[in-house]
C-alpha atoms as a PDB file:
ATOM      1  CA  MET A   1      41.972  15.044   5.716  1.00  0.00           C
ATOM      2  CA  SER A   2      41.050  11.898   3.793  1.00  0.00           C
ATOM      3  CA  GLU A   3      37.522  10.321   4.081  1.00  0.00           C
ATOM      4  CA  LEU A   4      39.122   7.448   6.151  1.00  0.00           C
ATOM      5  CA  GLU A   5      40.679   9.820   8.680  1.00  0.00           C
ATOM      6  CA  ARG A   6      37.400  11.940   8.960  1.00  0.00           C
ATOM      7  CA  ILE A   7      35.519   8.780   9.551  1.00  0.00           C
ATOM      8  CA  SER A   8      38.105   7.437  12.038  1.00  0.00           C
ATOM      9  CA  ALA A   9      37.644  10.582  14.216  1.00  0.00           C
ATOM     10  CA  LEU A  10      33.867  10.355  14.430  1.00  0.00           C
ATOM     11  CA  THR A  11      32.371   9.413  17.705  1.00  0.00           C
ATOM     12  CA  LYS A  12      30.064   6.290  17.741  1.00  0.00           C
ATOM     13  CA  GLU A  13      26.966   8.706  17.949  1.00  0.00           C
ATOM     14  CA  ASP A  14      28.156  10.851  15.147  1.00  0.00           C
ATOM     15  CA  ALA A  15      28.967   7.871  12.969  1.00  0.00           C
ATOM     16  CA  HIS A  16      25.495   6.492  13.794  1.00  0.00           C
ATOM     17  CA  ARG A  17      23.752   9.782  12.766  1.00  0.00           C
ATOM     18  CA  GLU A  18      25.945  10.005   9.647  1.00  0.00           C
ATOM     19  CA  LEU A  19      24.902   6.519   8.576  1.00  0.00           C
ATOM     20  CA  LEU A  20      21.254   7.162   9.442  1.00  0.00           C
ATOM     21  CA  ASP A  21      21.351  10.459   7.196  1.00  0.00           C
ATOM     22  CA  HIS A  22      22.950   8.338   4.163  1.00  0.00           C
ATOM     23  CA  VAL A  23      20.270   5.731   4.802  1.00  0.00           C
ATOM     24  CA  ARG A  24      17.621   8.367   4.723  1.00  0.00           C
ATOM     25  CA  ALA A  25      18.975   9.985   1.629  1.00  0.00           C
ATOM     26  CA  ASP A  26      19.114   6.724  -0.180  1.00  0.00           C
ATOM     27  CA  VAL A  27      15.473   5.898   0.916  1.00  0.00           C
ATOM     28  CA  VAL A  28      14.137   9.259  -0.462  1.00  0.00           C
ATOM     29  CA  ARG A  29      15.999   8.679  -3.869  1.00  0.00           C
ATOM     30  CA  GLU A  30      14.538   5.252  -4.148  1.00  0.00           C
ATOM     31  CA  GLU A  31      11.001   6.379  -3.111  1.00  0.00           C
ATOM     32  CA  ALA A  32      11.115   9.169  -5.693  1.00  0.00           C
ATOM     33  CA  GLN A  33      12.291   6.658  -8.259  1.00  0.00           C
ATOM     34  CA  ILE A  34       9.454   4.286  -7.403  1.00  0.00           C
ATOM     35  CA  LEU A  35       6.837   7.018  -7.619  1.00  0.00           C
ATOM     36  CA  ARG A  36       8.072   8.135 -11.026  1.00  0.00           C
ATOM     37  CA  ASP A  37       7.889   4.578 -12.336  1.00  0.00           C
ATOM     38  CA  SER A  38       4.454   4.242 -10.791  1.00  0.00           C
ATOM     39  CA  GLU A  39       3.261   7.621 -12.346  1.00  0.00           C
ATOM     40  CA  GLN A  40       4.687   6.316 -15.734  1.00  0.00           C
ATOM     41  CA  ARG A  41       2.771   3.147 -15.571  1.00  0.00           C
ATOM     42  CA  VAL A  42      -0.404   4.950 -14.549  1.00  0.00           C
ATOM     43  CA  ARG A  43      -0.082   7.493 -17.326  1.00  0.00           C
ATOM     44  CA  ALA A  44       0.559   4.695 -20.055  1.00  0.00           C
ATOM     45  CA  GLN A  45      -2.522   2.639 -18.750  1.00  0.00           C
ATOM     46  CA  ALA A  46      -4.766   5.800 -18.786  1.00  0.00           C
ATOM     47  CA  ASP A  47      -3.432   6.615 -22.390  1.00  0.00           C
ATOM     48  CA  LYS A  48      -4.249   2.989 -23.443  1.00  0.00           C
ATOM     49  CA  THR A  49      -7.831   3.223 -21.875  1.00  0.00           C
ATOM     50  CA  ALA A  50      -8.423   6.610 -23.424  1.00  0.00           C
ATOM     51  CA  ARG A  51      -7.582   5.213 -26.933  1.00  0.00           C
ATOM     52  CA  GLU A  52      -9.744   2.255 -26.371  1.00  0.00           C
ATOM     53  CA  ILE A  53     -12.750   4.571 -25.330  1.00  0.00           C
ATOM     54  CA  LEU A  54     -12.241   6.732 -28.246  1.00  0.00           C
ATOM     55  CA  SER A  55     -12.097   3.721 -30.721  1.00  0.00           C
ATOM     56  CA  LEU A  56     -15.248   2.212 -29.297  1.00  0.00           C
ATOM     57  CA  ALA A  57     -16.974   5.560 -29.485  1.00  0.00           C
ATOM     58  CA  ILE A  58     -15.885   6.075 -33.089  1.00  0.00           C
ATOM     59  CA  GLN A  59     -17.087   2.532 -34.056  1.00  0.00           C
ATOM     60  CA  ARG A  60     -20.448   3.061 -32.566  1.00  0.00           C
ATOM     61  CA  VAL A  61     -20.949   6.374 -34.369  1.00  0.00           C
ATOM     62  CA  ALA A  62     -19.950   4.836 -37.668  1.00  0.00           C
ATOM     63  CA  ALA A  63     -22.066   2.059 -37.002  1.00  0.00           C
ATOM     64  CA  SER A  64     -24.964   4.203 -36.079  1.00  0.00           C
ATOM     65  CA  SER A  65     -24.465   6.606 -39.140  1.00  0.00           C
ATOM     66  CA  ALA A  66     -24.223   3.416 -41.341  1.00  0.00           C
ATOM     67  CA  ALA A  67     -27.581   2.010 -40.101  1.00  0.00           C
ATOM     68  CA  ARG A  68     -29.198   5.536 -40.312  1.00  0.00           C
ATOM     69  CA  ALA A  69     -28.074   5.906 -43.932  1.00  0.00           C
ATOM     70  CA  ALA A  70     -29.155   2.481 -44.997  1.00  0.00           C
ATOM     71  CA  THR A  71     -32.624   3.022 -43.352  1.00  0.00           C
ATOM     72  CA  SER A  72     -33.218   6.364 -44.888  1.00  0.00           C
ATOM     73  CA  ALA A  73     -32.435   5.860 -48.484  1.00  0.00           C
ATOM     74  CA  PRO A  74     -34.136   8.258 -50.642  1.00  0.00           C
ATOM     75  CA  SER A  75     -37.513   7.279 -51.787  1.00  0.00           C
ATOM     76  CA  SER A  76     -38.962   7.718 -55.315  1.00  0.00           C
ATOM     77  CA  ARG A  77     -42.303   9.037 -53.875  1.00  0.00           C
ATOM     78  CA  SER A  78     -42.878  12.732 -53.848  1.00  0.00           C
ATOM     79  CA  PRO A  79     -43.051  14.424 -50.551  1.00  0.00           C
ATOM     80  CA  ALA A  80     -46.710  14.939 -49.291  1.00  0.00           C
ATOM     81  CA  SER A  81     -47.936  18.460 -49.746  1.00  0.00           C
ATOM     82  CA  PRO A  82     -48.825  20.437 -46.785  1.00  0.00           C
ATOM     83  CA  SER A  83     -52.520  20.807 -46.024  1.00  0.00           C
END
């Protein structure tokens, strides 16, 4: 039986039910795609934010280390002897 013959034999209620089933299936597929796209965008943004945070933290540690090294240069005086 061809698809056209099958469809022509459907009652109005059966055709309506079949149409709704197809529409629901399409909506579920589209919703799944929207969710996947949204998750991908969220992951990309989270990755970008994490990289920015790590970069800033590395810069701050490097600046702090450089400042500490500059202020704690070795002195020419001998260390004080304990009393």
